[in-house]
C-alpha cells in the first residue's frame, strides 16, 4: 500500500525558512518521480517542484526557483523541500505526490501540511 506522509509545516515569518518532509512507502522508488504541490484558499492546486528518484533530476515552478530546493534521502525514503526567503504568497497547504516516471498522472498523494507565512 502506497503511503505519503508530509510533515514540517507551520507558521513562519516572512523572509524565514522551513523544510517539509514526505515519508514515502510502498513504492518502487527507482521508477517514480516525487513532487510537491501547493494549494492556497480559493485557488487551484499548483506544481511546486519535482525530483526523479533514480537520477535526482529536479524541476521547479518559476515562482519558487532559486528559493526552494527539493531533494531525496534514499536511506530514509524521504523527499524534502527546503524553502527559503518565504513570503505571504507561499502560504498554502503543501502536498507530496508521486507519479511513475514518464507518466503525466500524479497517482499518489499525501494528506497535506499547512504552511503559513506571516508578513
N, C-alpha and C. Protein backbone atom coordinates (compact mmCIF):
# COMPACT_ATOMS: atom_id res chain seq x y z
N UNK A 1 0.85 -1.18 0.00
CA UNK A 1 0.00 0.00 0.00
C UNK A 1 0.89 1.24 0.00
N UNK A 2 0.59 2.16 -0.91
CA UNK A 2 1.36 3.38 -1.02
C UNK A 2 0.95 4.36 0.07
N UNK A 3 1.95 4.93 0.71
CA UNK A 3 1.70 5.96 1.71
C UNK A 3 2.67 7.10 1.54
N UNK A 4 2.13 8.31 1.53
CA UNK A 4 2.93 9.52 1.51
C UNK A 4 2.49 10.36 2.70
N UNK A 5 3.41 10.65 3.61
CA UNK A 5 3.06 11.37 4.83
C UNK A 5 3.94 12.60 4.94
N UNK A 6 3.30 13.76 4.85
CA UNK A 6 4.02 15.03 4.94
C UNK A 6 4.17 15.46 6.39
N UNK A 7 5.21 16.22 6.65
CA UNK A 7 5.41 16.82 7.97
C UNK A 7 6.28 18.06 7.80
N UNK A 8 6.29 18.87 8.85
CA UNK A 8 7.18 20.04 8.86
C UNK A 8 6.50 21.37 8.63
N UNK A 9 5.21 21.35 8.37
CA UNK A 9 4.52 22.62 8.17
C UNK A 9 4.42 23.42 9.45
N UNK A 10 4.01 24.67 9.31
CA UNK A 10 3.85 25.51 10.49
C UNK A 10 3.75 26.97 10.12
N UNK A 11 4.01 27.80 11.12
CA UNK A 11 3.95 29.25 10.97
C UNK A 11 5.36 29.81 10.96
N UNK A 12 5.66 30.64 9.97
CA UNK A 12 6.99 31.23 9.86
C UNK A 12 6.85 32.67 9.41
N UNK A 13 7.76 33.50 9.82
CA UNK A 13 7.73 34.91 9.41
C UNK A 13 8.25 35.07 8.00
N UNK A 14 7.78 36.10 7.34
CA UNK A 14 8.27 36.40 6.01
C UNK A 14 9.79 36.56 6.04
N UNK A 15 10.43 36.00 5.04
CA UNK A 15 11.88 36.01 4.98
C UNK A 15 12.52 34.81 5.63
N UNK A 16 11.73 34.04 6.33
CA UNK A 16 12.25 32.88 7.03
C UNK A 16 12.33 31.65 6.15
N UNK A 17 12.71 30.54 6.80
CA UNK A 17 12.91 29.27 6.10
C UNK A 17 12.18 28.15 6.82
N UNK A 18 11.89 27.11 6.06
CA UNK A 18 11.25 25.93 6.62
C UNK A 18 11.56 24.76 5.71
N UNK A 19 11.57 23.57 6.29
CA UNK A 19 11.79 22.38 5.48
C UNK A 19 10.64 21.41 5.68
N UNK A 20 10.05 20.99 4.58
CA UNK A 20 9.00 19.99 4.61
C UNK A 20 9.57 18.62 4.26
N UNK A 21 8.99 17.60 4.86
CA UNK A 21 9.40 16.23 4.60
C UNK A 21 8.22 15.41 4.14
N UNK A 22 8.51 14.42 3.30
CA UNK A 22 7.50 13.48 2.84
C UNK A 22 8.08 12.08 2.99
N UNK A 23 7.53 11.34 3.92
CA UNK A 23 7.95 9.95 4.12
C UNK A 23 7.12 9.06 3.21
N UNK A 24 7.81 8.33 2.35
CA UNK A 24 7.13 7.52 1.34
C UNK A 24 7.36 6.04 1.60
N UNK A 25 6.33 5.26 1.33
CA UNK A 25 6.45 3.81 1.46
C UNK A 25 5.54 3.14 0.45
N UNK A 26 5.86 1.88 0.13
CA UNK A 26 5.02 1.12 -0.77
C UNK A 26 5.23 1.39 -2.24
N UNK A 27 6.32 2.10 -2.58
CA UNK A 27 6.60 2.41 -3.97
C UNK A 27 7.92 1.80 -4.42
N UNK A 28 8.00 1.40 -5.68
CA UNK A 28 9.31 1.08 -6.25
C UNK A 28 9.99 2.39 -6.64
N UNK A 29 10.68 2.97 -5.68
CA UNK A 29 11.14 4.35 -5.82
C UNK A 29 11.94 4.61 -7.08
N UNK A 30 12.70 3.65 -7.50
CA UNK A 30 13.55 3.88 -8.67
C UNK A 30 12.74 4.14 -9.92
N UNK A 31 11.45 3.82 -9.90
CA UNK A 31 10.60 4.00 -11.07
C UNK A 31 9.72 5.25 -10.96
N UNK A 32 9.89 6.01 -9.90
CA UNK A 32 8.95 7.11 -9.63
C UNK A 32 9.62 8.47 -9.59
N UNK A 33 8.82 9.46 -9.88
CA UNK A 33 9.15 10.86 -9.68
C UNK A 33 8.29 11.39 -8.55
N UNK A 34 8.93 12.09 -7.63
CA UNK A 34 8.23 12.65 -6.48
C UNK A 34 8.08 14.15 -6.65
N UNK A 35 6.97 14.66 -6.16
CA UNK A 35 6.74 16.09 -6.34
C UNK A 35 6.09 16.74 -5.14
N UNK A 36 6.17 18.05 -5.13
CA UNK A 36 5.44 18.87 -4.15
C UNK A 36 4.52 19.80 -4.92
N UNK A 37 3.30 19.89 -4.39
CA UNK A 37 2.30 20.80 -4.92
C UNK A 37 1.79 21.64 -3.75
N UNK A 38 1.09 22.71 -4.06
CA UNK A 38 0.50 23.52 -3.01
C UNK A 38 -0.83 24.08 -3.47
N UNK A 39 -1.66 24.37 -2.48
CA UNK A 39 -2.98 24.93 -2.77
C UNK A 39 -3.31 25.96 -1.71
N UNK A 40 -3.48 27.19 -2.16
CA UNK A 40 -3.92 28.26 -1.28
C UNK A 40 -5.44 28.36 -1.33
N UNK A 41 -6.05 28.93 -0.30
CA UNK A 41 -7.52 29.04 -0.28
C UNK A 41 -8.04 29.75 -1.53
N UNK A 42 -9.05 29.15 -2.15
CA UNK A 42 -9.67 29.76 -3.31
C UNK A 42 -8.89 29.63 -4.60
N UNK A 43 -7.83 28.84 -4.58
CA UNK A 43 -7.02 28.67 -5.79
C UNK A 43 -6.91 27.20 -6.14
N UNK A 44 -6.45 26.95 -7.34
CA UNK A 44 -6.22 25.56 -7.75
C UNK A 44 -4.87 25.08 -7.23
N UNK A 45 -4.77 23.78 -7.10
CA UNK A 45 -3.50 23.19 -6.69
C UNK A 45 -2.47 23.45 -7.79
N UNK A 46 -1.29 23.84 -7.37
CA UNK A 46 -0.24 24.16 -8.35
C UNK A 46 1.04 23.39 -8.06
N UNK A 47 1.75 23.12 -9.11
CA UNK A 47 3.03 22.43 -9.03
C UNK A 47 4.07 23.33 -8.37
N UNK A 48 4.89 22.73 -7.53
CA UNK A 48 5.98 23.46 -6.87
C UNK A 48 7.33 22.96 -7.34
N UNK A 49 7.56 21.66 -7.19
CA UNK A 49 8.86 21.09 -7.54
C UNK A 49 8.73 19.59 -7.67
N UNK A 50 9.68 18.99 -8.39
CA UNK A 50 9.71 17.54 -8.51
C UNK A 50 11.14 17.05 -8.60
N UNK A 51 11.30 15.76 -8.29
CA UNK A 51 12.60 15.13 -8.39
C UNK A 51 12.42 13.70 -8.87
N UNK A 52 13.18 13.32 -9.86
CA UNK A 52 13.16 11.95 -10.35
C UNK A 52 14.05 11.12 -9.44
N UNK A 53 13.46 10.09 -8.84
CA UNK A 53 14.18 9.39 -7.79
C UNK A 53 15.48 8.77 -8.30
N UNK A 54 15.43 8.17 -9.47
CA UNK A 54 16.59 7.41 -9.95
C UNK A 54 17.75 8.30 -10.36
N UNK A 55 17.45 9.47 -10.92
CA UNK A 55 18.50 10.32 -11.46
C UNK A 55 18.79 11.56 -10.61
N UNK A 56 17.83 11.91 -9.76
CA UNK A 56 17.98 13.14 -8.99
C UNK A 56 17.67 14.39 -9.77
N UNK A 57 17.18 14.24 -10.98
CA UNK A 57 16.84 15.40 -11.80
C UNK A 57 15.69 16.16 -11.15
N UNK A 58 15.82 17.49 -11.09
CA UNK A 58 14.82 18.32 -10.43
C UNK A 58 14.16 19.28 -11.41
N UNK A 59 12.98 19.73 -11.01
CA UNK A 59 12.23 20.70 -11.81
C UNK A 59 11.48 21.60 -10.83
N UNK A 60 11.40 22.89 -11.16
CA UNK A 60 10.79 23.84 -10.24
C UNK A 60 9.81 24.76 -10.97
N UNK A 61 8.80 25.18 -10.24
CA UNK A 61 7.95 26.25 -10.73
C UNK A 61 8.74 27.55 -10.70
N UNK A 62 8.44 28.44 -11.64
CA UNK A 62 9.17 29.70 -11.69
C UNK A 62 9.04 30.49 -10.39
N UNK A 63 7.90 30.36 -9.74
CA UNK A 63 7.64 31.16 -8.54
C UNK A 63 8.52 30.77 -7.36
N UNK A 64 9.12 29.58 -7.41
CA UNK A 64 9.95 29.15 -6.28
C UNK A 64 11.40 28.92 -6.67
N UNK A 65 11.69 29.04 -7.94
CA UNK A 65 13.05 28.78 -8.42
C UNK A 65 14.03 29.72 -7.72
N UNK A 66 15.11 29.15 -7.22
CA UNK A 66 16.11 29.94 -6.51
C UNK A 66 15.83 30.07 -5.02
N UNK A 67 14.62 29.73 -4.59
CA UNK A 67 14.28 29.82 -3.17
C UNK A 67 14.03 28.45 -2.55
N UNK A 68 13.48 27.53 -3.33
CA UNK A 68 13.16 26.19 -2.84
C UNK A 68 14.14 25.20 -3.43
N UNK A 69 14.46 24.18 -2.64
CA UNK A 69 15.32 23.10 -3.11
C UNK A 69 14.70 21.77 -2.73
N UNK A 70 14.45 20.94 -3.71
CA UNK A 70 13.91 19.60 -3.46
C UNK A 70 15.05 18.60 -3.48
N UNK A 71 14.94 17.62 -2.59
CA UNK A 71 15.98 16.59 -2.53
C UNK A 71 15.36 15.30 -2.03
N UNK A 72 16.14 14.24 -2.07
CA UNK A 72 15.64 12.96 -1.57
C UNK A 72 16.70 12.33 -0.68
N UNK A 73 16.22 11.58 0.28
CA UNK A 73 17.09 10.82 1.18
C UNK A 73 16.81 9.36 0.89
N UNK A 74 17.71 8.74 0.16
CA UNK A 74 17.48 7.35 -0.25
C UNK A 74 17.37 6.41 0.95
N UNK A 75 18.17 6.64 1.94
CA UNK A 75 18.20 5.74 3.09
C UNK A 75 16.89 5.78 3.87
N UNK A 76 16.25 6.95 3.89
CA UNK A 76 15.02 7.10 4.67
C UNK A 76 13.76 7.11 3.81
N UNK A 77 13.93 6.96 2.49
CA UNK A 77 12.78 7.02 1.57
C UNK A 77 11.95 8.28 1.81
N UNK A 78 12.65 9.39 1.89
CA UNK A 78 12.04 10.67 2.22
C UNK A 78 12.38 11.70 1.15
N UNK A 79 11.39 12.51 0.83
CA UNK A 79 11.59 13.63 -0.07
C UNK A 79 11.47 14.91 0.73
N UNK A 80 12.39 15.79 0.53
CA UNK A 80 12.46 17.03 1.30
C UNK A 80 12.31 18.23 0.37
N UNK A 81 11.77 19.30 0.91
CA UNK A 81 11.83 20.57 0.19
C UNK A 81 12.25 21.65 1.18
N UNK A 82 13.40 22.22 0.93
CA UNK A 82 13.90 23.32 1.73
C UNK A 82 13.39 24.61 1.12
N UNK A 83 12.71 25.40 1.95
CA UNK A 83 12.08 26.62 1.47
C UNK A 83 12.70 27.82 2.17
N UNK A 84 13.31 28.70 1.40
CA UNK A 84 13.96 29.90 1.92
C UNK A 84 13.28 31.15 1.40
N UNK A 85 13.58 32.25 2.04
CA UNK A 85 13.03 33.55 1.62
C UNK A 85 11.52 33.48 1.42
N UNK A 86 10.86 32.91 2.40
CA UNK A 86 9.41 32.72 2.30
C UNK A 86 8.67 34.05 2.34
N UNK A 87 7.58 34.11 1.61
CA UNK A 87 6.72 35.29 1.63
C UNK A 87 5.27 34.85 1.76
N UNK A 88 4.40 35.82 1.94
CA UNK A 88 2.99 35.53 2.21
C UNK A 88 2.36 34.71 1.08
N UNK A 89 2.85 34.90 -0.14
CA UNK A 89 2.29 34.17 -1.28
C UNK A 89 2.62 32.67 -1.24
N UNK A 90 3.52 32.29 -0.36
CA UNK A 90 3.84 30.87 -0.21
C UNK A 90 2.89 30.17 0.76
N UNK A 91 2.03 30.91 1.42
CA UNK A 91 1.06 30.33 2.33
C UNK A 91 0.12 29.41 1.58
N UNK A 92 0.05 28.16 2.02
CA UNK A 92 -0.77 27.17 1.32
C UNK A 92 -0.69 25.85 2.07
N UNK A 93 -1.53 24.93 1.66
CA UNK A 93 -1.36 23.53 2.06
C UNK A 93 -0.43 22.88 1.04
N UNK A 94 0.60 22.25 1.54
CA UNK A 94 1.59 21.62 0.67
C UNK A 94 1.37 20.12 0.65
N UNK A 95 1.34 19.57 -0.55
CA UNK A 95 1.08 18.16 -0.74
C UNK A 95 2.27 17.47 -1.40
N UNK A 96 2.56 16.30 -0.93
CA UNK A 96 3.53 15.43 -1.57
C UNK A 96 2.79 14.53 -2.55
N UNK A 97 3.42 14.24 -3.68
CA UNK A 97 2.78 13.40 -4.69
C UNK A 97 3.81 12.54 -5.38
N UNK A 98 3.33 11.49 -6.02
CA UNK A 98 4.21 10.58 -6.74
C UNK A 98 3.57 10.19 -8.07
N UNK A 99 4.41 10.08 -9.08
CA UNK A 99 3.94 9.57 -10.37
C UNK A 99 5.00 8.65 -10.94
N UNK A 100 4.58 7.73 -11.72
CA UNK A 100 5.52 6.85 -12.39
C UNK A 100 6.32 7.73 -13.37
N UNK A 101 7.61 7.62 -13.33
CA UNK A 101 8.44 8.42 -14.22
C UNK A 101 8.05 8.13 -15.67
N UNK A 102 7.78 9.18 -16.42
CA UNK A 102 7.35 9.02 -17.80
C UNK A 102 5.84 9.19 -17.95
N UNK A 103 5.13 9.05 -16.85
CA UNK A 103 3.68 9.26 -16.86
C UNK A 103 3.38 10.70 -16.50
N UNK A 104 2.25 11.20 -16.98
CA UNK A 104 1.85 12.57 -16.65
C UNK A 104 0.87 12.60 -15.48
N UNK A 105 0.48 11.46 -14.99
CA UNK A 105 -0.53 11.38 -13.95
C UNK A 105 0.10 11.22 -12.57
N UNK A 106 -0.19 12.16 -11.70
CA UNK A 106 0.25 12.07 -10.32
C UNK A 106 -0.77 11.20 -9.59
N UNK A 107 -0.42 9.96 -9.39
CA UNK A 107 -1.39 8.97 -8.92
C UNK A 107 -1.51 8.89 -7.41
N UNK A 108 -0.47 9.30 -6.71
CA UNK A 108 -0.44 9.12 -5.26
C UNK A 108 -0.27 10.48 -4.60
N UNK A 109 -1.03 10.69 -3.53
CA UNK A 109 -1.00 11.98 -2.83
C UNK A 109 -0.96 11.78 -1.33
N UNK A 110 -0.28 12.70 -0.66
CA UNK A 110 -0.33 12.74 0.78
C UNK A 110 -1.51 13.56 1.24
N UNK A 111 -1.62 13.70 2.55
CA UNK A 111 -2.77 14.39 3.13
C UNK A 111 -2.57 15.89 3.21
N UNK A 112 -1.33 16.35 3.05
CA UNK A 112 -1.05 17.77 3.06
C UNK A 112 -0.59 18.28 4.41
N UNK A 113 0.20 19.35 4.36
CA UNK A 113 0.64 20.02 5.58
C UNK A 113 0.57 21.53 5.34
N UNK A 114 0.12 22.25 6.35
CA UNK A 114 -0.14 23.68 6.21
C UNK A 114 1.12 24.49 6.46
N UNK A 115 1.40 25.41 5.56
CA UNK A 115 2.44 26.41 5.78
C UNK A 115 1.78 27.78 5.77
N UNK A 116 2.03 28.53 6.81
CA UNK A 116 1.53 29.89 6.90
C UNK A 116 2.70 30.83 7.09
N UNK A 117 2.80 31.80 6.20
CA UNK A 117 3.87 32.79 6.28
C UNK A 117 3.25 34.11 6.70
N UNK A 118 3.69 34.62 7.82
CA UNK A 118 3.15 35.89 8.33
C UNK A 118 4.00 37.04 7.84
N UNK A 119 3.33 38.10 7.42
CA UNK A 119 4.06 39.26 6.88
C UNK A 119 4.21 40.35 7.94
